[in-house]
Protein backbone atom coordinates (compact mmCIF):
# COMPACT_ATOMS: atom_id res chain seq x y z
CA MET A 1 110.46 138.43 16.36
CA SER A 2 111.98 135.60 14.35
CA LYS A 3 109.79 132.56 13.74
CA THR A 4 112.75 130.22 13.33
CA LEU A 5 112.26 128.69 16.78
CA GLU A 6 108.48 128.29 16.54
CA VAL A 7 107.35 124.74 17.23
CA LYS A 8 104.05 122.91 16.86
CA PHE A 9 103.29 121.14 20.12
CA LEU A 10 100.10 119.40 21.24
CA GLY A 11 97.81 121.29 18.93
CA THR A 12 99.27 124.74 19.39
CA THR A 13 102.24 126.75 18.15
CA LEU A 14 104.78 127.79 20.77
CA LYS A 15 107.02 130.79 20.11
CA ASN A 16 110.04 128.61 20.90
CA PRO A 17 110.71 125.15 22.39
CA ILE A 18 112.06 126.39 25.73
CA MET A 19 109.97 125.65 28.81
CA THR A 20 110.91 125.41 32.47
CA ALA A 21 111.13 122.18 34.42
CA SER A 22 108.75 121.62 37.29
CA GLY A 23 110.19 122.42 40.69
CA THR A 24 112.94 124.70 39.38
CA PHE A 25 110.96 127.80 38.43
CA GLY A 26 108.37 128.15 41.17
CA TYR A 27 105.24 129.56 39.56
CA GLY A 28 107.17 131.96 37.33
CA ILE A 29 106.61 135.06 39.43
CA GLU A 30 109.83 134.38 41.34
CA PHE A 31 111.85 134.87 38.13
CA SER A 32 109.96 137.86 36.75
CA PRO A 33 112.41 140.40 38.29
CA TYR A 34 115.21 138.82 36.22
CA MET A 35 113.62 138.12 32.84
CA ASP A 36 110.58 138.55 30.66
CA VAL A 37 108.89 135.23 31.48
CA GLY A 38 106.59 135.77 28.51
CA ARG A 39 109.50 135.13 26.13
CA LEU A 40 109.56 131.45 27.08
CA GLY A 41 107.70 128.90 25.02
CA GLY A 42 105.84 127.87 28.16
CA ILE A 43 106.10 127.53 31.93
CA ILE A 44 105.35 124.53 34.12
CA SER A 45 104.05 124.65 37.67
CA LYS A 46 105.81 123.30 40.68
CA GLY A 47 104.78 119.70 41.28
CA LEU A 48 101.23 119.57 42.63
CA THR A 49 99.43 116.98 44.71
CA LEU A 50 95.74 116.74 45.51
CA HIS A 51 96.30 117.87 49.10
CA PRO A 52 98.96 120.29 50.42
CA LYS A 53 102.34 118.77 51.31
CA ALA A 54 104.91 120.20 53.68
CA GLY A 55 107.76 118.35 52.00
CA ASN A 56 110.65 116.39 53.48
CA ASP A 57 112.43 117.10 56.74
CA GLY A 58 116.18 117.61 56.95
CA ILE A 59 118.55 118.71 54.20
CA ARG A 60 116.79 119.23 50.89
CA ILE A 61 119.53 120.44 48.53
CA TRP A 62 123.13 119.23 48.23
CA GLU A 63 125.66 120.31 45.63
CA THR A 64 127.52 117.63 43.71
CA PRO A 65 130.15 117.85 40.96
CA SER A 66 128.40 119.44 37.95
CA GLY A 67 124.97 119.10 39.53
CA ILE A 68 122.77 119.06 42.59
CA MET A 69 120.78 116.53 44.56
CA ASN A 70 117.36 117.35 45.92
CA SER A 71 114.93 115.81 48.36
CA ILE A 72 112.16 118.42 48.42
CA GLY A 73 109.33 115.96 48.86
CA LEU A 74 106.89 117.77 46.53
CA GLN A 75 106.25 120.65 48.91
CA ASN A 76 103.22 122.43 47.44
CA PRO A 77 99.95 124.11 48.45
CA GLY A 78 97.71 121.50 46.80
CA VAL A 79 95.67 121.52 43.60
CA HIS A 80 92.79 123.56 45.03
CA HIS A 81 95.08 126.37 46.17
CA PHE A 82 96.95 126.32 42.86
CA ILE A 83 93.71 126.74 40.91
CA GLU A 84 92.55 129.59 43.14
CA GLU A 85 95.84 131.46 43.60
CA GLU A 86 98.84 130.47 41.46
CA LEU A 87 97.30 129.56 38.09
CA HIS A 88 96.15 133.05 37.16
CA VAL A 89 99.54 134.46 38.18
CA MET A 90 101.26 132.06 35.79
CA GLN A 91 98.82 132.90 33.00
CA ASP A 92 99.53 136.59 33.43
CA LEU A 93 103.21 135.85 32.86
CA ASN A 94 103.04 133.45 29.91
CA ASP A 95 100.46 132.36 27.36
CA TYR A 96 101.22 128.62 27.70
CA VAL A 97 100.91 127.10 31.17
CA VAL A 98 101.32 123.45 32.10
CA ALA A 99 100.25 122.02 35.46
CA ASN A 100 102.49 119.26 36.81
CA LEU A 101 100.52 116.69 38.83
CA GLY A 102 101.75 113.91 41.09
CA GLY A 103 100.08 111.54 43.53
CA ASN A 104 100.67 108.70 45.93
CA THR A 105 97.56 106.76 44.93
CA LEU A 106 95.60 106.27 41.76
CA ASP A 107 92.63 108.04 43.36
CA ASP A 108 94.82 111.08 44.05
CA TYR A 109 95.75 111.28 40.38
CA LYS A 110 92.15 110.86 39.24
CA GLU A 111 90.74 113.57 41.48
CA GLY A 112 93.60 115.95 40.68
CA ILE A 113 93.05 115.44 36.95
CA ARG A 114 89.32 116.13 37.31
CA LEU A 115 90.01 119.41 39.09
CA LEU A 116 92.62 120.58 36.58
CA ASP A 117 90.43 119.59 33.65
CA ALA A 118 87.87 122.15 34.79
CA THR A 119 90.44 124.97 34.49
CA ASP A 120 91.86 126.71 31.42
CA VAL A 121 95.36 125.34 31.97
CA ASP A 122 96.86 124.49 28.56
CA ALA A 123 98.18 121.01 29.36
CA ILE A 124 98.83 118.63 32.23
CA GLU A 125 102.20 116.98 32.90
CA LEU A 126 101.64 113.75 34.80
CA ASN A 127 104.53 113.01 37.15
CA ILE A 128 104.60 109.22 37.52
CA SER A 129 107.84 109.28 39.52
CA CYS A 130 105.76 109.59 42.69
CA PRO A 131 105.77 106.65 45.14
CA ASN A 132 102.83 104.26 44.82
CA VAL A 133 101.95 103.69 48.46
CA LYS A 134 100.12 100.46 47.62
CA HIS A 135 103.31 98.98 46.20
CA GLY A 136 105.60 99.78 49.11
CA GLY A 137 106.64 103.18 47.83
CA MET A 138 107.86 102.00 44.40
CA ALA A 139 107.28 104.82 41.92
CA PHE A 140 104.43 104.45 39.42
CA GLY A 141 106.98 105.11 36.69
CA ILE A 142 109.30 102.17 37.42
CA ARG A 143 107.27 99.24 36.06
CA CYS A 144 105.56 99.34 32.66
CA GLU A 145 102.32 97.89 34.01
CA ASP A 146 102.02 100.52 36.76
CA ALA A 147 102.72 103.40 34.38
CA GLU A 148 100.26 102.05 31.84
CA LEU A 149 97.60 101.65 34.52
CA VAL A 150 97.76 105.18 35.88
CA VAL A 151 97.77 106.77 32.42
CA SER A 152 94.90 104.62 31.16
CA GLU A 153 92.84 105.41 34.27
CA VAL A 154 93.28 109.19 34.15
CA ARG A 155 93.18 109.66 30.37
CA PRO A 156 89.35 109.47 30.10
CA LEU A 157 89.00 112.09 32.84
CA THR A 158 90.46 115.02 30.92
CA SER A 159 90.28 116.55 27.47
CA LYS A 160 93.52 118.43 28.12
CA PRO A 161 96.71 117.41 26.31
CA MET A 162 98.62 115.14 28.67
CA ILE A 163 102.40 114.89 28.92
CA VAL A 164 103.71 111.95 30.95
CA LYS A 165 106.99 112.66 32.74
CA LEU A 166 109.23 109.60 32.78
CA SER A 167 111.76 108.49 35.35
CA PRO A 168 115.23 107.43 34.17
CA ASN A 169 115.08 104.82 36.91
CA ALA A 170 112.46 102.82 34.98
CA TYR A 171 113.30 99.19 34.33
CA THR A 172 112.85 99.50 30.55
CA LEU A 173 112.43 103.14 29.61
CA VAL A 174 111.67 102.81 25.89
CA GLU A 175 109.12 100.06 26.47
CA LEU A 176 107.54 102.11 29.26
CA ALA A 177 107.29 105.13 26.94
CA LYS A 178 105.56 102.96 24.34
CA ARG A 179 103.12 101.66 26.92
CA VAL A 180 102.09 105.12 28.14
CA GLU A 181 101.74 106.22 24.52
CA GLY A 182 99.37 103.32 23.97
CA ALA A 183 97.48 104.25 27.14
CA GLY A 184 96.78 107.75 25.82
CA ALA A 185 99.74 110.02 26.54
CA ASP A 186 99.96 112.90 24.05
CA ALA A 187 103.67 113.43 24.76
CA VAL A 188 106.38 112.19 27.11
CA SER A 189 108.92 114.29 28.98
CA LEU A 190 112.24 112.90 30.14
CA VAL A 191 114.27 112.57 32.15
CA ASN A 192 113.31 113.20 35.73
CA THR A 193 116.09 113.03 38.32
CA PHE A 194 118.32 110.00 38.83
CA ASN A 195 118.11 108.17 42.15
CA ALA A 196 121.44 108.83 43.92
CA MET A 197 123.15 108.94 47.31
CA VAL A 198 125.72 110.99 49.21
CA ILE A 199 127.23 110.18 52.61
CA ASP A 200 128.52 112.52 55.32
CA ILE A 201 131.61 110.58 56.40
CA PHE A 202 132.01 112.56 59.63
CA LYS A 203 128.44 112.05 60.80
CA ARG A 204 128.60 108.51 59.42
CA ARG A 205 125.19 108.75 57.83
CA THR A 206 123.58 109.69 54.57
CA VAL A 207 123.09 113.41 54.02
CA PHE A 208 119.40 113.02 53.22
CA ASN A 209 116.90 111.64 55.72
CA ASN A 210 115.42 109.43 52.99
CA LYS A 211 118.93 108.11 52.25
CA THR A 212 118.60 108.65 48.49
CA ALA A 213 117.64 111.77 46.54
CA GLY A 214 117.29 113.01 42.98
CA LEU A 215 120.40 113.95 41.00
CA SER A 216 120.10 116.61 38.29
CA GLY A 217 122.25 119.11 36.42
CA PRO A 218 124.95 118.86 33.73
CA ALA A 219 126.33 115.69 35.31
CA ILE A 220 123.36 113.71 33.98
CA ARG A 221 123.16 115.37 30.54
CA PRO A 222 124.99 112.75 28.41
CA ILE A 223 122.83 109.97 29.87
CA ALA A 224 119.64 112.00 29.55
CA LEU A 225 120.52 112.84 25.95
CA ARG A 226 120.99 109.16 25.13
CA MET A 227 117.64 108.31 26.74
CA VAL A 228 115.81 111.09 24.85
CA TYR A 229 117.36 109.82 21.61
CA GLU A 230 116.26 106.24 22.27
CA VAL A 231 112.72 107.16 23.32
CA ALA A 232 112.27 109.57 20.39
CA LYS A 233 113.13 106.70 18.05
CA GLY A 234 110.67 104.41 19.81
CA VAL A 235 107.46 106.49 20.02
CA ASP A 236 105.27 108.43 17.62
CA ILE A 237 104.36 111.24 20.02
CA PRO A 238 106.41 114.36 20.87
CA VAL A 239 109.30 114.00 23.28
CA VAL A 240 110.15 116.79 25.71
CA GLY A 241 113.88 116.76 26.47
CA ILE A 242 115.08 117.36 30.02
CA GLY A 243 118.39 116.76 31.77
CA GLY A 244 121.21 119.18 32.45
CA ILE A 245 120.45 121.60 29.61
CA ASP A 246 122.34 124.75 30.57
CA SER A 247 123.37 126.35 27.28
CA TRP A 248 122.13 126.86 23.74
CA GLU A 249 124.62 124.24 22.57
CA SER A 250 123.17 121.57 24.83
CA ALA A 251 119.65 122.63 23.82
CA ILE A 252 120.52 122.09 20.16
CA GLU A 253 121.93 118.66 21.06
CA PHE A 254 118.57 117.58 22.45
CA ILE A 255 116.73 118.88 19.39
CA MET A 256 119.10 116.90 17.15
CA ALA A 257 118.46 113.84 19.32
CA GLY A 258 114.75 114.11 18.52
CA ALA A 259 113.19 116.35 21.18
CA THR A 260 110.29 118.56 20.12
CA THR A 261 110.46 120.90 23.11
CA LEU A 262 112.85 121.26 26.04
CA GLN A 263 112.69 121.99 29.76
CA ILE A 264 115.36 123.98 31.57
CA GLY A 265 115.73 122.93 35.20
CA THR A 266 118.80 123.08 37.41
CA ALA A 267 120.31 125.86 35.29
CA ASN A 268 117.57 128.20 36.57
CA LEU A 269 118.92 127.81 40.09
CA THR A 270 122.43 128.94 39.19
CA ASN A 271 121.55 131.51 36.54
CA PRO A 272 118.03 133.02 36.71
CA THR A 273 118.25 134.23 33.10
CA ALA A 274 119.50 130.91 31.71
CA ALA A 275 116.32 130.12 29.79
CA VAL A 276 116.18 133.37 27.81
CA GLU A 277 119.93 133.21 27.17
CA ILE A 278 119.40 129.76 25.66
CA ILE A 279 116.65 131.15 23.40
CA ASP A 280 118.93 133.96 22.22
CA GLY A 281 121.79 131.52 21.58
CA MET A 282 119.59 129.12 19.62
CA GLU A 283 118.32 131.96 17.43
CA ALA A 284 121.86 133.15 16.73
CA PHE A 285 123.00 129.61 15.90
CA CYS A 286 120.13 129.07 13.47
CA GLN A 287 120.81 132.39 11.76
CA LYS A 288 124.51 131.62 11.42
CA GLU A 289 123.87 128.10 10.12
CA GLY A 290 121.11 129.16 7.72
CA ILE A 291 118.50 127.07 9.55
CA GLN A 292 114.98 128.31 8.79
CA SER A 293 113.16 125.91 11.13
CA LEU A 294 114.14 123.53 13.91
CA ASP A 295 112.38 120.82 11.92
CA GLU A 296 115.46 120.83 9.67
CA ILE A 297 117.66 119.49 12.44
CA ARG A 298 115.22 117.69 14.75
CA GLY A 299 116.08 114.02 15.10
CA ILE A 300 118.86 114.11 12.51
CA ILE A 301 121.08 111.78 14.55
């Protein structure tokens, strides 16, 4: 196998930069009938919370032009169940597994981190887009001070590499990325979904019970690409690019914007082999262009 796509990431070497975005790939086993999940650079768990969550009521998925909106509500079996049941399944499928962790309170994050630290998961992705119940539901990842607080509080509780997943809805995204870097983040991943709305004009109400939901897919790609570019210029830690990547061409764009690794999300829902097709396309592009390593083109813009 060609080593052109190999990438150094958080103290290890991944076979390629392609990972799967949390919430779009289940625990990997769901996609194993369609692809060799082991070909991916890594896989990321569905979003986990300390305790099981049933998720949101009502409509959860709604198609939009060039994308989808979702209001899943972090449905998951909880960290304990993941450790006992899903983690080993993921590790059987791929040699690099990341656990995505969210929480509604700082104590939730801290206990979840402690539990995951005791496992052999390779890294933890901290989802700070979750609502902080003590601040009226405002996400931890909106204000710099909240994001800095949660990262600084959980960082001493784990020796695992920690990726902090950033919300594009943050007030000042580059400054927020710098603050979580200073608080101990080993990498940042961005972007999470954009806060958006759709209205059913015949029912005269919003489609989603929570009124707003998360927009993802190719529709957000140009904005996500710009944000990845800006953050990559502003921090000294690896940036994981996310946001509407659905082809090898768009994957290369994010690498050129400065991303070290990438996550494929919505594309998995429309094409279950999208991730491996992107790997194949990137390899072919590099061969055609005489590129020996992605380092040659990373952050060239």
